[in-house]
């Protein structure tokens, strides 16, 4: 039913939306990168645990685990945030920055 569709996007809106899609796709790639890094980190932690066990290495193992976990969490949150922005604007025709107060206040921190 065509009556349920909203107005088509203007040229400027389409350019902005394409840029948001680019950022969302890049965010998905970053999420995969974080996943791969976490696998590498856990492999390294397991190797250290099995082959080189002493107090200094135990501390390094904990530090590596905490660093990798923090990186993965931050990257996933950033990816979900970027995907939510572009998906809501394209599919729902809702700009979350305007609809939800404060939603885009964290954008400079998330985008880096």
Foldseek 3Di string as FASTA:
>chain_A
DVVPDDDDDDPVVVVVLVVLVVVLVVLVVQLVVLVVLLVVLVVVLVCCVVPPDDDVSVVVNVVSNVVSVVSNVLSVVLNVLSCVQSCCCVPVVDRCCVVPPPSCVCVVVSVD
